[in-house]
């Protein structure tokens, strides 16, 4: 449960990949957002690493009379590189929490992929069973047996899928509330 709470606060999903933002880092570390952006600008990483792991954009800041505010989205690697420079007990605690949250989200995305593969295989076998049942009488008897087993399997897959969808929806809701 702790990883889910950390995930809701720190990590969001964009294009199927776990990311975080400079705002989330600032909130997590109790820093001013401008200080986090300055720290990102001062990172001494290669241009290639910077391009792969940091993406700047502008968002409307309602607290600043609607003025655009510079924000940085970053990958797990980008965030790790950034916070390695933060020091102190609180920084160490949050570094561990970020790593845990990103790993948790990656495992949920992998689990969703596995569920999709199960559903694909299930659909293929179900269609084959229907086809067999349509062509001959013995197939109909086999279909009766298969249909019950396949219904149970589908219920199991759907329950796992529902949980995965609820977790992804929780992450989207949490992300929209954080921004």
Protein backbone atom coordinates (compact mmCIF):
# COMPACT_ATOMS: atom_id res chain seq x y z
CA UNK A 1 0.00 0.00 0.00
CA UNK A 2 2.89 2.36 0.74
CA UNK A 3 4.09 2.14 -2.89
CA UNK A 4 0.62 3.08 -4.13
CA UNK A 5 0.59 6.19 -1.93
CA UNK A 6 4.07 7.15 -3.10
CA UNK A 7 3.02 6.50 -6.69
CA UNK A 8 -0.04 8.73 -6.41
CA UNK A 9 2.08 11.60 -5.16
CA UNK A 10 5.14 11.24 -7.34
CA UNK A 11 4.66 9.30 -10.54
CA UNK A 12 2.25 9.59 -13.43
CA UNK A 13 1.88 7.67 -16.64
CA UNK A 14 2.45 9.38 -19.99
CA UNK A 15 2.33 7.41 -23.24
CA UNK A 16 2.59 4.18 -21.25
CA UNK A 17 5.77 5.27 -19.45
CA UNK A 18 6.20 6.30 -15.81
CA UNK A 19 7.37 9.93 -15.46
CA UNK A 20 7.43 12.70 -12.88
CA UNK A 21 7.57 16.49 -13.09
CA UNK A 22 9.65 19.27 -11.63
CA UNK A 23 6.58 20.36 -9.63
CA UNK A 24 6.20 16.90 -8.07
CA UNK A 25 9.91 16.84 -7.20
CA UNK A 26 9.64 20.30 -5.61
CA UNK A 27 6.63 19.22 -3.54
CA UNK A 28 8.23 15.94 -2.47
CA UNK A 29 11.48 17.57 -1.37
CA UNK A 30 9.94 20.71 0.12
CA UNK A 31 11.77 22.92 -2.36
CA UNK A 32 10.68 25.90 -4.40
CA UNK A 33 9.79 24.92 -7.95
CA UNK A 34 12.16 27.56 -9.34
CA UNK A 35 15.02 26.01 -7.31
CA UNK A 36 14.30 22.57 -8.79
CA UNK A 37 14.25 24.02 -12.32
CA UNK A 38 17.56 25.79 -11.60
CA UNK A 39 19.04 22.49 -10.38
CA UNK A 40 17.91 20.77 -13.59
CA UNK A 41 19.44 23.56 -15.70
CA UNK A 42 22.75 23.16 -13.84
CA UNK A 43 23.01 19.38 -14.23
CA UNK A 44 26.30 18.39 -15.80
CA UNK A 45 25.04 15.55 -17.92
CA UNK A 46 25.58 14.95 -21.63
CA UNK A 47 23.29 16.56 -24.19
CA UNK A 48 22.14 13.09 -25.25
CA UNK A 49 21.16 12.13 -21.67
CA UNK A 50 19.46 15.49 -21.22
CA UNK A 51 17.38 15.08 -24.40
CA UNK A 52 16.31 11.52 -23.51
CA UNK A 53 15.34 12.26 -19.91
CA UNK A 54 14.16 15.88 -19.57
CA UNK A 55 11.39 17.63 -21.51
CA UNK A 56 10.52 21.26 -20.81
CA UNK A 57 7.15 22.85 -21.50
CA UNK A 58 5.03 25.73 -20.25
CA UNK A 59 1.82 25.45 -18.27
CA UNK A 60 -0.60 28.14 -17.18
CA UNK A 61 -0.12 28.99 -13.50
CA UNK A 62 -3.43 30.07 -11.99
CA UNK A 63 -1.63 31.35 -8.87
CA UNK A 64 0.45 33.73 -11.00
CA UNK A 65 -2.49 35.42 -12.78
CA UNK A 66 -2.44 32.86 -15.58
CA UNK A 67 1.17 33.46 -16.59
CA UNK A 68 2.92 30.53 -18.27
CA UNK A 69 5.28 28.66 -15.98
CA UNK A 70 8.19 26.53 -17.14
CA UNK A 71 7.80 22.88 -16.09
CA UNK A 72 10.01 19.87 -16.71
CA UNK A 73 8.80 16.30 -17.24
CA UNK A 74 11.42 13.69 -16.52
CA UNK A 75 11.99 9.98 -16.78
CA UNK A 76 13.00 7.72 -13.93
CA UNK A 77 16.64 8.10 -14.97
CA UNK A 78 16.36 11.88 -15.22
CA UNK A 79 14.76 12.16 -11.80
CA UNK A 80 17.37 9.85 -10.28
CA UNK A 81 20.20 11.91 -11.79
CA UNK A 82 18.64 15.13 -10.45
CA UNK A 83 17.94 14.00 -6.89
CA UNK A 84 21.34 12.34 -6.50
CA UNK A 85 22.54 15.90 -5.93
CA UNK A 86 20.05 16.52 -3.12
CA UNK A 87 21.42 15.85 0.37
CA UNK A 88 20.21 15.17 3.89
CA UNK A 89 18.04 12.60 5.66
CA UNK A 90 14.83 13.77 4.00
CA UNK A 91 16.47 13.61 0.58
CA UNK A 92 17.63 10.04 1.22
CA UNK A 93 14.13 9.01 2.29
CA UNK A 94 12.56 10.52 -0.82
CA UNK A 95 15.18 9.06 -3.14
CA UNK A 96 14.21 5.60 -1.91
CA UNK A 97 10.51 6.42 -2.22
CA UNK A 98 10.92 7.66 -5.81
CA UNK A 99 12.80 4.56 -6.87
CA UNK A 100 10.13 2.40 -5.24
CA UNK A 101 7.30 4.34 -6.89
CA UNK A 102 8.80 4.16 -10.37
CA UNK A 103 9.50 0.45 -10.02
CA UNK A 104 5.94 -0.13 -8.78
CA UNK A 105 4.47 1.70 -11.79
CA UNK A 106 6.71 -0.20 -14.21
CA UNK A 107 5.55 -3.50 -12.69
CA UNK A 108 1.89 -2.43 -13.09
CA UNK A 109 2.50 -1.57 -16.75
CA UNK A 110 4.16 -4.97 -17.27
CA UNK A 111 1.23 -6.67 -15.53
CA UNK A 112 -1.19 -4.86 -17.86
CA UNK A 113 0.81 -6.11 -20.86
CA UNK A 114 0.63 -9.67 -19.53
CA UNK A 115 -3.15 -9.36 -19.04
CA UNK A 116 -3.50 -8.10 -22.63
CA UNK A 117 -1.56 -11.14 -23.85
CA UNK A 118 -3.81 -13.45 -21.79
CA UNK A 119 -6.88 -11.79 -23.30
CA UNK A 120 -5.48 -12.18 -26.82
CA UNK A 121 -4.77 -15.89 -26.26
CA UNK A 122 -8.17 -16.37 -24.65
CA UNK A 123 -9.98 -14.73 -27.57
CA UNK A 124 -8.10 -16.92 -30.06
CA UNK A 125 -9.00 -20.13 -28.19
CA UNK A 126 -12.62 -19.06 -27.68
CA UNK A 127 -13.06 -18.34 -31.39
CA UNK A 128 -11.49 -21.71 -32.26
CA UNK A 129 -13.90 -23.42 -29.86
CA UNK A 130 -16.90 -21.66 -31.41
CA UNK A 131 -15.66 -22.60 -34.86
CA UNK A 132 -15.22 -26.25 -33.89
CA UNK A 133 -18.70 -26.31 -32.39
CA UNK A 134 -20.21 -24.90 -35.55
CA UNK A 135 -18.77 -27.52 -37.89
CA UNK A 136 -19.61 -30.84 -36.30
CA UNK A 137 -21.65 -32.43 -33.55
CA UNK A 138 -18.68 -33.61 -31.53
CA UNK A 139 -17.46 -30.05 -31.60
CA UNK A 140 -20.72 -28.97 -30.00
CA UNK A 141 -20.19 -31.36 -27.11
CA UNK A 142 -16.61 -30.15 -26.76
CA UNK A 143 -17.84 -26.54 -26.94
CA UNK A 144 -20.15 -27.14 -23.97
CA UNK A 145 -17.18 -28.23 -21.87
CA UNK A 146 -14.89 -25.49 -23.21
CA UNK A 147 -17.51 -22.77 -22.79
CA UNK A 148 -17.75 -23.28 -19.03
CA UNK A 149 -13.97 -23.37 -18.57
CA UNK A 150 -13.48 -20.35 -20.81
CA UNK A 151 -16.16 -18.37 -18.95
CA UNK A 152 -14.31 -18.98 -15.66
CA UNK A 153 -11.00 -17.98 -17.23
CA UNK A 154 -12.53 -14.81 -18.72
CA UNK A 155 -13.94 -13.82 -15.34
CA UNK A 156 -10.46 -14.21 -13.81
CA UNK A 157 -8.79 -12.14 -16.55
CA UNK A 158 -11.46 -9.44 -16.30
CA UNK A 159 -11.01 -9.14 -12.54
CA UNK A 160 -7.24 -8.63 -12.99
CA UNK A 161 -7.86 -6.18 -15.81
CA UNK A 162 -10.33 -4.22 -13.70
CA UNK A 163 -7.74 -3.84 -10.93
CA UNK A 164 -5.11 -2.69 -13.42
CA UNK A 165 -7.54 -0.16 -14.93
CA UNK A 166 -8.52 1.13 -11.48
CA UNK A 167 -4.85 1.65 -10.57
CA UNK A 168 -4.17 3.51 -13.82
CA UNK A 169 -7.28 5.64 -13.27
CA UNK A 170 -6.14 6.35 -9.70
CA UNK A 171 -2.80 7.55 -11.09
CA UNK A 172 -4.53 9.85 -13.58
CA UNK A 173 -6.85 11.29 -10.92
CA UNK A 174 -3.95 11.79 -8.52
CA UNK A 175 -1.89 13.45 -11.25
CA UNK A 176 -4.72 15.83 -12.15
CA UNK A 177 -5.18 16.76 -8.49
CA UNK A 178 -1.46 17.39 -8.02
CA UNK A 179 -1.21 19.82 -10.93
